[in-house]
Amino acid sequence: MSRPRKPDFWDDRETTPKDVAPGAANRLKVLKELIQHALSTEPLDASLVAKWHTACFSGLSYVGVNDECFLGA
């Protein structure tokens, strides 16, 4: 008998078509911004990282609008 799966911190829960496409689009957008920033001379700061973090999870069904764990905290 197997034990129930323990929730994983890294499990992004993008298992439905409702979240898979937007999640991939969010990450692609952020990846492009990361590359652009890496090629610039601009310093990296916490507010920029928080912005990218928010953008990765924005609009996904399992993320609450005020969920600080997912939105840039």
PDB file of N, CA and C in Angstrom:
ATOM      1  N   MET A   1       0.849  -1.183   0.000  1.00  0.00           N
ATOM      2  CA  MET A   1       0.000   0.000   0.000  1.00  0.00           C
ATOM      3  C   MET A   1       0.888   1.238   0.000  1.00  0.00           C
ATOM      4  N   SER A   2       0.626   2.142  -0.914  1.00  0.00           N
ATOM      5  CA  SER A   2       1.459   3.345  -0.989  1.00  0.00           C
ATOM      6  C   SER A   2       0.873   4.455  -0.123  1.00  0.00           C
ATOM      7  N   ARG A   3       1.764   5.265   0.374  1.00  0.00           N
ATOM      8  CA  ARG A   3       1.334   6.402   1.189  1.00  0.00           C
ATOM      9  C   ARG A   3       0.907   7.551   0.286  1.00  0.00           C
ATOM     10  N   PRO A   4       0.018   8.408   0.773  1.00  0.00           N
ATOM     11  CA  PRO A   4      -0.371   9.579  -0.028  1.00  0.00           C
ATOM     12  C   PRO A   4       0.850  10.444  -0.314  1.00  0.00           C
ATOM     13  N   ARG A   5       0.869  11.023  -1.459  1.00  0.00           N
ATOM     14  CA  ARG A   5       1.985  11.878  -1.855  1.00  0.00           C
ATOM     15  C   ARG A   5       1.998  13.140  -1.010  1.00  0.00           C
ATOM     16  N   LYS A   6       3.144  13.409  -0.434  1.00  0.00           N
ATOM     17  CA  LYS A   6       3.325  14.626   0.352  1.00  0.00           C
ATOM     18  C   LYS A   6       3.418  15.821  -0.598  1.00  0.00           C
ATOM     19  N   PRO A   7       2.740  16.926  -0.281  1.00  0.00           N
ATOM     20  CA  PRO A   7       2.841  18.106  -1.155  1.00  0.00           C
ATOM     21  C   PRO A   7       4.294  18.542  -1.311  1.00  0.00           C
ATOM     22  N   ASP A   8       4.653  18.855  -2.502  1.00  0.00           N
ATOM     23  CA  ASP A   8       6.021  19.267  -2.815  1.00  0.00           C
ATOM     24  C   ASP A   8       6.056  20.773  -3.029  1.00  0.00           C
ATOM     25  N   PHE A   9       6.979  21.442  -2.355  1.00  0.00           N
ATOM     26  CA  PHE A   9       7.126  22.885  -2.492  1.00  0.00           C
ATOM     27  C   PHE A   9       7.317  23.286  -3.953  1.00  0.00           C
ATOM     28  N   TRP A  10       8.023  22.457  -4.718  1.00  0.00           N
ATOM     29  CA  TRP A  10       8.355  22.806  -6.090  1.00  0.00           C
ATOM     30  C   TRP A  10       7.278  22.387  -7.083  1.00  0.00           C
ATOM     31  N   ASP A  11       6.227  21.720  -6.632  1.00  0.00           N
ATOM     32  CA  ASP A  11       5.158  21.289  -7.528  1.00  0.00           C
ATOM     33  C   ASP A  11       4.369  22.506  -7.982  1.00  0.00           C
ATOM     34  N   ASP A  12       4.491  22.868  -9.250  1.00  0.00           N
ATOM     35  CA  ASP A  12       3.834  24.083  -9.730  1.00  0.00           C
ATOM     36  C   ASP A  12       2.353  23.868 -10.030  1.00  0.00           C
ATOM     37  N   ARG A  13       1.890  22.657  -9.973  1.00  0.00           N
ATOM     38  CA  ARG A  13       0.476  22.294 -10.138  1.00  0.00           C
ATOM     39  C   ARG A  13      -0.118  22.700 -11.480  1.00  0.00           C
ATOM     40  N   GLU A  14       0.707  22.905 -12.465  1.00  0.00           N
ATOM     41  CA  GLU A  14       0.193  23.244 -13.785  1.00  0.00           C
ATOM     42  C   GLU A  14      -0.117  21.948 -14.532  1.00  0.00           C
ATOM     43  N   THR A  15      -1.196  21.311 -14.134  1.00  0.00           N
ATOM     44  CA  THR A  15      -1.547  20.023 -14.723  1.00  0.00           C
ATOM     45  C   THR A  15      -2.776  20.089 -15.610  1.00  0.00           C
ATOM     46  N   THR A  16      -3.417  21.225 -15.677  1.00  0.00           N
ATOM     47  CA  THR A  16      -4.602  21.358 -16.524  1.00  0.00           C
ATOM     48  C   THR A  16      -4.284  22.275 -17.695  1.00  0.00           C
ATOM     49  N   PRO A  17      -4.948  22.071 -18.824  1.00  0.00           N
ATOM     50  CA  PRO A  17      -4.720  22.962 -19.971  1.00  0.00           C
ATOM     51  C   PRO A  17      -4.970  24.423 -19.617  1.00  0.00           C
ATOM     52  N   LYS A  18      -5.842  24.626 -18.640  1.00  0.00           N
ATOM     53  CA  LYS A  18      -6.146  25.988 -18.201  1.00  0.00           C
ATOM     54  C   LYS A  18      -4.896  26.701 -17.674  1.00  0.00           C
ATOM     55  N   ASP A  19      -3.963  25.941 -17.082  1.00  0.00           N
ATOM     56  CA  ASP A  19      -2.750  26.541 -16.513  1.00  0.00           C
ATOM     57  C   ASP A  19      -1.482  26.261 -17.303  1.00  0.00           C
ATOM     58  N   VAL A  20      -1.439  25.175 -18.073  1.00  0.00           N
ATOM     59  CA  VAL A  20      -0.206  24.803 -18.771  1.00  0.00           C
ATOM     60  C   VAL A  20       0.206  25.872 -19.785  1.00  0.00           C
ATOM     61  N   ALA A  21      -0.690  26.259 -20.652  1.00  0.00           N
ATOM     62  CA  ALA A  21      -0.342  27.245 -21.690  1.00  0.00           C
ATOM     63  C   ALA A  21       0.009  28.609 -21.092  1.00  0.00           C
ATOM     64  N   PRO A  22      -0.823  29.153 -20.185  1.00  0.00           N
ATOM     65  CA  PRO A  22      -0.451  30.443 -19.596  1.00  0.00           C
ATOM     66  C   PRO A  22       0.847  30.364 -18.781  1.00  0.00           C
ATOM     67  N   GLY A  23       1.062  29.251 -18.074  1.00  0.00           N
ATOM     68  CA  GLY A  23       2.289  29.098 -17.287  1.00  0.00           C
ATOM     69  C   GLY A  23       3.523  29.105 -18.179  1.00  0.00           C
ATOM     70  N   ALA A  24       3.442  28.385 -19.305  1.00  0.00           N
ATOM     71  CA  ALA A  24       4.568  28.364 -20.251  1.00  0.00           C
ATOM     72  C   ALA A  24       4.787  29.745 -20.864  1.00  0.00           C
ATOM     73  N   ALA A  25       3.703  30.422 -21.206  1.00  0.00           N
ATOM     74  CA  ALA A  25       3.821  31.770 -21.782  1.00  0.00           C
ATOM     75  C   ALA A  25       4.432  32.741 -20.776  1.00  0.00           C
ATOM     76  N   ASN A  26       4.007  32.637 -19.517  1.00  0.00           N
ATOM     77  CA  ASN A  26       4.572  33.499 -18.467  1.00  0.00           C
ATOM     78  C   ASN A  26       6.080  33.281 -18.348  1.00  0.00           C
ATOM     79  N   ARG A  27       6.491  32.013 -18.296  1.00  0.00           N
ATOM     80  CA  ARG A  27       7.921  31.714 -18.133  1.00  0.00           C
ATOM     81  C   ARG A  27       8.730  32.155 -19.350  1.00  0.00           C
ATOM     82  N   LEU A  28       8.162  32.015 -20.541  1.00  0.00           N
ATOM     83  CA  LEU A  28       8.866  32.462 -21.752  1.00  0.00           C
ATOM     84  C   LEU A  28       9.086  33.970 -21.722  1.00  0.00           C
ATOM     85  N   LYS A  29       8.057  34.693 -21.329  1.00  0.00           N
ATOM     86  CA  LYS A  29       8.169  36.159 -21.236  1.00  0.00           C
ATOM     87  C   LYS A  29       9.262  36.549 -20.229  1.00  0.00           C
ATOM     88  N   VAL A  30       9.239  35.903 -19.073  1.00  0.00           N
ATOM     89  CA  VAL A  30      10.233  36.216 -18.037  1.00  0.00           C
ATOM     90  C   VAL A  30      11.633  35.815 -18.498  1.00  0.00           C
ATOM     91  N   LEU A  31      11.754  34.671 -19.168  1.00  0.00           N
ATOM     92  CA  LEU A  31      13.061  34.242 -19.659  1.00  0.00           C
ATOM     93  C   LEU A  31      13.639  35.271 -20.627  1.00  0.00           C
ATOM     94  N   LYS A  32      12.802  35.792 -21.515  1.00  0.00           N
ATOM     95  CA  LYS A  32      13.274  36.826 -22.449  1.00  0.00           C
ATOM     96  C   LYS A  32      13.751  38.067 -21.691  1.00  0.00           C
ATOM     97  N   GLU A  33      13.005  38.452 -20.660  1.00  0.00           N
ATOM     98  CA  GLU A  33      13.410  39.615 -19.850  1.00  0.00           C
ATOM     99  C   GLU A  33      14.708  39.335 -19.089  1.00  0.00           C
ATOM    100  N   LEU A  34      14.855  38.119 -18.581  1.00  0.00           N
ATOM    101  CA  LEU A  34      16.084  37.746 -17.874  1.00  0.00           C
ATOM    102  C   LEU A  34      17.298  37.834 -18.797  1.00  0.00           C
ATOM    103  N   ILE A  35      17.151  37.324 -19.999  1.00  0.00           N
ATOM    104  CA  ILE A  35      18.257  37.366 -20.959  1.00  0.00           C
ATOM    105  C   ILE A  35      18.585  38.811 -21.325  1.00  0.00           C
ATOM    106  N   GLN A  36      17.546  39.587 -21.585  1.00  0.00           N
ATOM    107  CA  GLN A  36      17.768  41.000 -21.920  1.00  0.00           C
ATOM    108  C   GLN A  36      18.489  41.715 -20.777  1.00  0.00           C
ATOM    109  N   HIS A  37      18.075  41.437 -19.555  1.00  0.00           N
ATOM    110  CA  HIS A  37      18.717  42.063 -18.407  1.00  0.00           C
ATOM    111  C   HIS A  37      20.168  41.597 -18.260  1.00  0.00           C
ATOM    112  N   ALA A  38      20.397  40.310 -18.464  1.00  0.00           N
ATOM    113  CA  ALA A  38      21.756  39.769 -18.340  1.00  0.00           C
ATOM    114  C   ALA A  38      22.714  40.406 -19.344  1.00  0.00           C
ATOM    115  N   LEU A  39      22.196  40.778 -20.486  1.00  0.00           N
ATOM    116  CA  LEU A  39      23.029  41.402 -21.514  1.00  0.00           C
ATOM    117  C   LEU A  39      23.195  42.903 -21.320  1.00  0.00           C
ATOM    118  N   SER A  40      22.486  43.456 -20.355  1.00  0.00           N
ATOM    119  CA  SER A  40      22.574  44.890 -20.091  1.00  0.00           C
ATOM    120  C   SER A  40      23.603  45.168 -18.996  1.00  0.00           C
ATOM    121  N   THR A  41      23.765  46.433 -18.701  1.00  0.00           N
ATOM    122  CA  THR A  41      24.668  46.816 -17.612  1.00  0.00           C
ATOM    123  C   THR A  41      23.885  47.223 -16.366  1.00  0.00           C
ATOM    124  N   GLU A  42      22.567  47.029 -16.412  1.00  0.00           N
ATOM    125  CA  GLU A  42      21.718  47.395 -15.279  1.00  0.00           C
ATOM    126  C   GLU A  42      21.978  46.476 -14.087  1.00  0.00           C
ATOM    127  N   PRO A  43      22.007  47.046 -12.883  1.00  0.00           N
ATOM    128  CA  PRO A  43      22.193  46.194 -11.705  1.00  0.00           C
ATOM    129  C   PRO A  43      20.934  45.373 -11.421  1.00  0.00           C
ATOM    130  N   LEU A  44      21.132  44.229 -10.827  1.00  0.00           N
ATOM    131  CA  LEU A  44      20.018  43.369 -10.433  1.00  0.00           C
ATOM    132  C   LEU A  44      19.617  43.738  -9.014  1.00  0.00           C
ATOM    133  N   ASP A  45      18.324  43.904  -8.791  1.00  0.00           N
ATOM    134  CA  ASP A  45      17.866  44.200  -7.438  1.00  0.00           C
ATOM    135  C   ASP A  45      16.648  43.349  -7.098  1.00  0.00           C
ATOM    136  N   ALA A  46      16.295  43.351  -5.834  1.00  0.00           N
ATOM    137  CA  ALA A  46      15.215  42.495  -5.343  1.00  0.00           C
ATOM    138  C   ALA A  46      13.870  42.831  -5.970  1.00  0.00           C
ATOM    139  N   SER A  47      13.624  44.088  -6.261  1.00  0.00           N
ATOM    140  CA  SER A  47      12.328  44.453  -6.842  1.00  0.00           C
ATOM    141  C   SER A  47      12.166  43.876  -8.247  1.00  0.00           C
ATOM    142  N   LEU A  48      13.241  43.791  -8.994  1.00  0.00           N
ATOM    143  CA  LEU A  48      13.181  43.204 -10.328  1.00  0.00           C
ATOM    144  C   LEU A  48      12.939  41.696 -10.246  1.00  0.00           C
ATOM    145  N   VAL A  49      13.602  41.043  -9.328  1.00  0.00           N
ATOM    146  CA  VAL A  49      13.390  39.608  -9.127  1.00  0.00           C
ATOM    147  C   VAL A  49      11.948  39.348  -8.692  1.00  0.00           C
ATOM    148  N   ALA A  50      11.418  40.174  -7.803  1.00  0.00           N
ATOM    149  CA  ALA A  50      10.027  40.036  -7.357  1.00  0.00           C
ATOM    150  C   ALA A  50       9.064  40.245  -8.525  1.00  0.00           C
ATOM    151  N   LYS A  51       9.375  41.184  -9.404  1.00  0.00           N
ATOM    152  CA  LYS A  51       8.537  41.429 -10.589  1.00  0.00           C
ATOM    153  C   LYS A  51       8.502  40.191 -11.481  1.00  0.00           C
ATOM    154  N   TRP A  52       9.672  39.579 -11.709  1.00  0.00           N
ATOM    155  CA  TRP A  52       9.726  38.371 -12.537  1.00  0.00           C
ATOM    156  C   TRP A  52       8.986  37.219 -11.869  1.00  0.00           C
ATOM    157  N   HIS A  53       9.129  37.103 -10.569  1.00  0.00           N
ATOM    158  CA  HIS A  53       8.450  36.040  -9.826  1.00  0.00           C
ATOM    159  C   HIS A  53       6.938  36.201  -9.949  1.00  0.00           C
ATOM    160  N   THR A  54       6.461  37.411  -9.791  1.00  0.00           N
ATOM    161  CA  THR A  54       5.031  37.690  -9.936  1.00  0.00           C
ATOM    162  C   THR A  54       4.566  37.347 -11.347  1.00  0.00           C
ATOM    163  N   ALA A  55       5.355  37.730 -12.342  1.00  0.00           N
ATOM    164  CA  ALA A  55       4.983  37.478 -13.734  1.00  0.00           C
ATOM    165  C   ALA A  55       4.908  35.978 -14.044  1.00  0.00           C
ATOM    166  N   CYS A  56       5.742  35.177 -13.416  1.00  0.00           N
ATOM    167  CA  CYS A  56       5.719  33.727 -13.656  1.00  0.00           C
ATOM    168  C   CYS A  56       4.398  33.102 -13.215  1.00  0.00           C
ATOM    169  N   PHE A  57       3.820  33.575 -12.134  1.00  0.00           N
ATOM    170  CA  PHE A  57       2.635  32.948 -11.558  1.00  0.00           C
ATOM    171  C   PHE A  57       1.338  33.719 -11.816  1.00  0.00           C
ATOM    172  N   SER A  58       1.424  34.855 -12.436  1.00  0.00           N
ATOM    173  CA  SER A  58       0.258  35.692 -12.657  1.00  0.00           C
ATOM    174  C   SER A  58      -0.777  34.989 -13.537  1.00  0.00           C
ATOM    175  N   GLY A  59      -2.027  35.029 -13.095  1.00  0.00           N
ATOM    176  CA  GLY A  59      -3.117  34.491 -13.892  1.00  0.00           C
ATOM    177  C   GLY A  59      -3.343  32.999 -13.811  1.00  0.00           C
ATOM    178  N   LEU A  60      -2.564  32.284 -13.003  1.00  0.00           N
ATOM    179  CA  LEU A  60      -2.754  30.842 -12.885  1.00  0.00           C
ATOM    180  C   LEU A  60      -3.862  30.542 -11.889  1.00  0.00           C
ATOM    181  N   SER A  61      -4.627  29.509 -12.163  1.00  0.00           N
ATOM    182  CA  SER A  61      -5.842  29.238 -11.381  1.00  0.00           C
ATOM    183  C   SER A  61      -5.569  28.912  -9.918  1.00  0.00           C
ATOM    184  N   TYR A  62      -4.417  28.349  -9.605  1.00  0.00           N
ATOM    185  CA  TYR A  62      -4.136  27.932  -8.230  1.00  0.00           C
ATOM    186  C   TYR A  62      -3.440  29.010  -7.402  1.00  0.00           C
ATOM    187  N   VAL A  63      -3.252  30.176  -7.979  1.00  0.00           N
ATOM    188  CA  VAL A  63      -2.569  31.263  -7.277  1.00  0.00           C
ATOM    189  C   VAL A  63      -3.582  32.363  -6.966  1.00  0.00           C
ATOM    190  N   GLY A  64      -3.753  32.648  -5.682  1.00  0.00           N
ATOM    191  CA  GLY A  64      -4.643  33.729  -5.283  1.00  0.00           C
ATOM    192  C   GLY A  64      -4.024  35.083  -5.593  1.00  0.00           C
ATOM    193  N   VAL A  65      -4.849  36.052  -5.847  1.00  0.00           N
ATOM    194  CA  VAL A  65      -4.383  37.396  -6.201  1.00  0.00           C
ATOM    195  C   VAL A  65      -3.496  37.987  -5.105  1.00  0.00           C
ATOM    196  N   ASN A  66      -3.772  37.649  -3.861  1.00  0.00           N
ATOM    197  CA  ASN A  66      -2.994  38.189  -2.740  1.00  0.00           C
ATOM    198  C   ASN A  66      -2.062  37.158  -2.120  1.00  0.00           C
ATOM    199  N   ASP A  67      -1.743  36.110  -2.846  1.00  0.00           N
ATOM    200  CA  ASP A  67      -0.904  35.037  -2.316  1.00  0.00           C
ATOM    201  C   ASP A  67       0.569  35.430  -2.392  1.00  0.00           C
ATOM    202  N   GLU A  68       1.102  35.937  -1.295  1.00  0.00           N
ATOM    203  CA  GLU A  68       2.482  36.439  -1.288  1.00  0.00           C
ATOM    204  C   GLU A  68       3.518  35.339  -1.518  1.00  0.00           C
ATOM    205  N   CYS A  69       3.178  34.103  -1.192  1.00  0.00           N
ATOM    206  CA  CYS A  69       4.126  33.004  -1.418  1.00  0.00           C
ATOM    207  C   CYS A  69       4.398  32.827  -2.894  1.00  0.00           C
ATOM    208  N   PHE A  70       3.427  33.132  -3.732  1.00  0.00           N
ATOM    209  CA  PHE A  70       3.594  32.973  -5.167  1.00  0.00           C
ATOM    210  C   PHE A  70       3.849  34.267  -5.899  1.00  0.00           C
ATOM    211  N   LEU A  71       3.413  35.370  -5.362  1.00  0.00           N
ATOM    212  CA  LEU A  71       3.462  36.612  -6.116  1.00  0.00           C
ATOM    213  C   LEU A  71       4.523  37.573  -5.629  1.00  0.00           C
ATOM    214  N   GLY A  72       5.751  37.244  -5.884  1.00  0.00           N
ATOM    215  CA  GLY A  72       6.837  38.177  -5.692  1.00  0.00           C
ATOM    216  C   GLY A  72       7.391  38.334  -4.285  1.00  0.00           C
ATOM    217  N   ALA A  73       6.946  37.530  -3.356  1.00  0.00           N
ATOM    218  CA  ALA A  73       7.452  37.690  -1.981  1.00  0.00           C
ATOM    219  C   ALA A  73       8.805  37.039  -1.827  1.00  0.00           C
TER     220      ALA A  73
END
